[in-house]
Amino acid sequence: MTDGITPNDKNIAVLTHLGGIFFGFIPALVVWLLKKDDSPFIGGQAREALNFQVTVLIGYVVAWVLAWVLIGFLLLPAIYVANLVLCILAAVAVSKGEDYRYPLALRLIN
């Protein structure tokens, strides 16, 4: 899907995915709210990043609750590494103009 995707669209999508590593769902939410109508590519990727970051946030909450029974302490680093790796994979894919769908993400926003 590289038809009609400008380099600026790709850059915004890359920053949206990478922003999730450092700032959680906030960058994806801001981009989705501001740019979803400007470009179908940006809107779709921001929605995908937002869905994934909300899924990660839910995972962190569950891990913190499970930390009371010591299982969560194993989940916290696993969630962090999965977020890091998948956000980088997403950024690389969208930099090429490809659509990226996160595995295991809850599709809460359509």
C-alpha atoms as a PDB file:
ATOM      1  CA  MET A   1       0.000   0.000   0.000  1.00  0.00           C
ATOM      2  CA  THR A   2       2.486   2.607  -1.087  1.00  0.00           C
ATOM      3  CA  ASP A   3       0.024   4.422  -3.384  1.00  0.00           C
ATOM      4  CA  GLY A   4      -0.546   8.000  -2.272  1.00  0.00           C
ATOM      5  CA  ILE A   5       1.571   7.744   0.856  1.00  0.00           C
ATOM      6  CA  THR A   6       3.878  10.721   1.174  1.00  0.00           C
ATOM      7  CA  PRO A   7       7.214  10.645   3.002  1.00  0.00           C
ATOM      8  CA  ASN A   8       5.643  12.936   5.602  1.00  0.00           C
ATOM      9  CA  ASP A   9       2.872  10.360   6.186  1.00  0.00           C
ATOM     10  CA  LYS A  10       5.509   7.668   6.706  1.00  0.00           C
ATOM     11  CA  ASN A  11       7.475   9.849   9.140  1.00  0.00           C
ATOM     12  CA  ILE A  12       4.399  10.641  11.224  1.00  0.00           C
ATOM     13  CA  ALA A  13       3.466   6.946  11.330  1.00  0.00           C
ATOM     14  CA  VAL A  14       7.015   5.979  12.378  1.00  0.00           C
ATOM     15  CA  LEU A  15       7.007   8.560  15.175  1.00  0.00           C
ATOM     16  CA  THR A  16       3.571   7.389  16.283  1.00  0.00           C
ATOM     17  CA  HIS A  17       4.762   3.800  16.701  1.00  0.00           C
ATOM     18  CA  LEU A  18       8.091   4.731  18.318  1.00  0.00           C
ATOM     19  CA  GLY A  19       6.367   7.195  20.638  1.00  0.00           C
ATOM     20  CA  GLY A  20       4.606   4.258  22.260  1.00  0.00           C
ATOM     21  CA  ILE A  21       7.926   2.993  23.616  1.00  0.00           C
ATOM     22  CA  PHE A  22       8.514   6.143  25.628  1.00  0.00           C
ATOM     23  CA  PHE A  23       5.102   7.727  26.201  1.00  0.00           C
ATOM     24  CA  GLY A  24       2.578   4.883  26.034  1.00  0.00           C
ATOM     25  CA  PHE A  25      -0.719   5.566  24.319  1.00  0.00           C
ATOM     26  CA  ILE A  26      -0.461   9.389  24.339  1.00  0.00           C
ATOM     27  CA  PRO A  27       1.355   9.905  20.970  1.00  0.00           C
ATOM     28  CA  ALA A  28      -0.951   7.493  19.170  1.00  0.00           C
ATOM     29  CA  LEU A  29      -4.028   9.153  20.670  1.00  0.00           C
ATOM     30  CA  VAL A  30      -2.866  12.654  19.710  1.00  0.00           C
ATOM     31  CA  VAL A  31      -1.963  11.636  16.147  1.00  0.00           C
ATOM     32  CA  TRP A  32      -5.183   9.678  15.717  1.00  0.00           C
ATOM     33  CA  LEU A  33      -7.330  12.579  16.919  1.00  0.00           C
ATOM     34  CA  LEU A  34      -5.482  15.200  14.850  1.00  0.00           C
ATOM     35  CA  LYS A  35      -4.576  13.336  11.651  1.00  0.00           C
ATOM     36  CA  LYS A  36      -7.112  10.524  11.175  1.00  0.00           C
ATOM     37  CA  ASP A  37      -9.028  12.471   8.528  1.00  0.00           C
ATOM     38  CA  ASP A  38      -5.937  13.797   6.702  1.00  0.00           C
ATOM     39  CA  SER A  39      -4.552  10.475   5.516  1.00  0.00           C
ATOM     40  CA  PRO A  40      -6.025   6.960   5.611  1.00  0.00           C
ATOM     41  CA  PHE A  41      -2.509   5.577   6.159  1.00  0.00           C
ATOM     42  CA  ILE A  42      -1.793   7.793   9.179  1.00  0.00           C
ATOM     43  CA  GLY A  43      -5.271   7.234  10.588  1.00  0.00           C
ATOM     44  CA  GLY A  44      -5.003   3.464  10.281  1.00  0.00           C
ATOM     45  CA  GLN A  45      -1.524   3.257  11.760  1.00  0.00           C
ATOM     46  CA  ALA A  46      -2.352   5.639  14.615  1.00  0.00           C
ATOM     47  CA  ARG A  47      -5.442   3.553  15.415  1.00  0.00           C
ATOM     48  CA  GLU A  48      -3.352   0.373  15.311  1.00  0.00           C
ATOM     49  CA  ALA A  49      -0.695   1.898  17.597  1.00  0.00           C
ATOM     50  CA  LEU A  50      -3.384   3.181  19.973  1.00  0.00           C
ATOM     51  CA  ASN A  51      -5.045  -0.236  20.183  1.00  0.00           C
ATOM     52  CA  PHE A  52      -1.699  -1.868  20.912  1.00  0.00           C
ATOM     53  CA  GLN A  53      -0.647   0.649  23.550  1.00  0.00           C
ATOM     54  CA  VAL A  54      -3.994   0.279  25.328  1.00  0.00           C
ATOM     55  CA  THR A  55      -3.431  -3.490  25.256  1.00  0.00           C
ATOM     56  CA  VAL A  56       0.054  -2.977  26.739  1.00  0.00           C
ATOM     57  CA  LEU A  57      -1.401  -0.729  29.451  1.00  0.00           C
ATOM     58  CA  ILE A  58      -3.956  -3.410  30.349  1.00  0.00           C
ATOM     59  CA  GLY A  59      -1.105  -5.952  30.445  1.00  0.00           C
ATOM     60  CA  TYR A  60       0.862  -3.744  32.848  1.00  0.00           C
ATOM     61  CA  VAL A  61      -2.149  -3.336  35.138  1.00  0.00           C
ATOM     62  CA  VAL A  62      -2.741  -7.096  35.199  1.00  0.00           C
ATOM     63  CA  ALA A  63       0.970  -7.722  35.850  1.00  0.00           C
ATOM     64  CA  TRP A  64       0.981  -5.258  38.763  1.00  0.00           C
ATOM     65  CA  VAL A  65      -2.045  -6.980  40.272  1.00  0.00           C
ATOM     66  CA  LEU A  66      -0.367 -10.362  39.818  1.00  0.00           C
ATOM     67  CA  ALA A  67       2.808  -9.002  41.399  1.00  0.00           C
ATOM     68  CA  TRP A  68       1.101  -9.582  44.745  1.00  0.00           C
ATOM     69  CA  VAL A  69       1.423 -13.299  44.060  1.00  0.00           C
ATOM     70  CA  LEU A  70       4.901 -12.881  42.518  1.00  0.00           C
ATOM     71  CA  ILE A  71       3.870 -13.925  38.998  1.00  0.00           C
ATOM     72  CA  GLY A  72       3.610 -10.324  37.820  1.00  0.00           C
ATOM     73  CA  PHE A  73       7.291  -9.678  38.381  1.00  0.00           C
ATOM     74  CA  LEU A  74       7.995 -12.111  35.544  1.00  0.00           C
ATOM     75  CA  LEU A  75       5.384 -10.541  33.286  1.00  0.00           C
ATOM     76  CA  LEU A  76       6.532  -6.919  33.634  1.00  0.00           C
ATOM     77  CA  PRO A  77       9.856  -7.351  31.796  1.00  0.00           C
ATOM     78  CA  ALA A  78       8.207  -9.589  29.190  1.00  0.00           C
ATOM     79  CA  ILE A  79       5.602  -6.918  28.439  1.00  0.00           C
ATOM     80  CA  TYR A  80       8.309  -4.240  28.229  1.00  0.00           C
ATOM     81  CA  VAL A  81      10.435  -6.263  25.795  1.00  0.00           C
ATOM     82  CA  ALA A  82       7.402  -7.185  23.670  1.00  0.00           C
ATOM     83  CA  ASN A  83       6.382  -3.507  23.491  1.00  0.00           C
ATOM     84  CA  LEU A  84       9.911  -2.466  22.522  1.00  0.00           C
ATOM     85  CA  VAL A  85      10.364  -5.112  19.832  1.00  0.00           C
ATOM     86  CA  LEU A  86       6.908  -4.802  18.296  1.00  0.00           C
ATOM     87  CA  CYS A  87       7.029  -0.996  18.188  1.00  0.00           C
ATOM     88  CA  ILE A  88      10.373  -1.145  16.382  1.00  0.00           C
ATOM     89  CA  LEU A  89       9.039  -3.730  13.917  1.00  0.00           C
ATOM     90  CA  ALA A  90       6.010  -1.523  13.297  1.00  0.00           C
ATOM     91  CA  ALA A  91       8.178   1.546  12.743  1.00  0.00           C
ATOM     92  CA  VAL A  92      10.348  -0.297  10.220  1.00  0.00           C
ATOM     93  CA  ALA A  93       7.298  -1.590   8.337  1.00  0.00           C
ATOM     94  CA  VAL A  94       5.552   1.783   8.115  1.00  0.00           C
ATOM     95  CA  SER A  95       8.791   3.501   7.063  1.00  0.00           C
ATOM     96  CA  LYS A  96       8.541   1.326   3.943  1.00  0.00           C
ATOM     97  CA  GLY A  97       4.909   2.333   3.430  1.00  0.00           C
ATOM     98  CA  GLU A  98       3.507  -1.024   4.550  1.00  0.00           C
ATOM     99  CA  ASP A  99       0.508  -1.458   6.813  1.00  0.00           C
ATOM    100  CA  TYR A 100       1.422  -3.044  10.133  1.00  0.00           C
ATOM    101  CA  ARG A 101      -0.912  -4.985  12.404  1.00  0.00           C
ATOM    102  CA  TYR A 102       0.273  -5.785  15.909  1.00  0.00           C
ATOM    103  CA  PRO A 103      -0.171  -9.391  16.971  1.00  0.00           C
ATOM    104  CA  LEU A 104      -2.161  -9.942  20.174  1.00  0.00           C
ATOM    105  CA  ALA A 105      -3.527  -6.377  20.212  1.00  0.00           C
ATOM    106  CA  LEU A 106      -7.099  -5.859  21.305  1.00  0.00           C
ATOM    107  CA  ARG A 107      -9.011  -4.065  18.562  1.00  0.00           C
ATOM    108  CA  LEU A 108     -10.898  -1.659  20.811  1.00  0.00           C
ATOM    109  CA  ILE A 109     -10.968   1.340  18.465  1.00  0.00           C
ATOM    110  CA  ASN A 110     -12.277   0.769  14.949  1.00  0.00           C
END
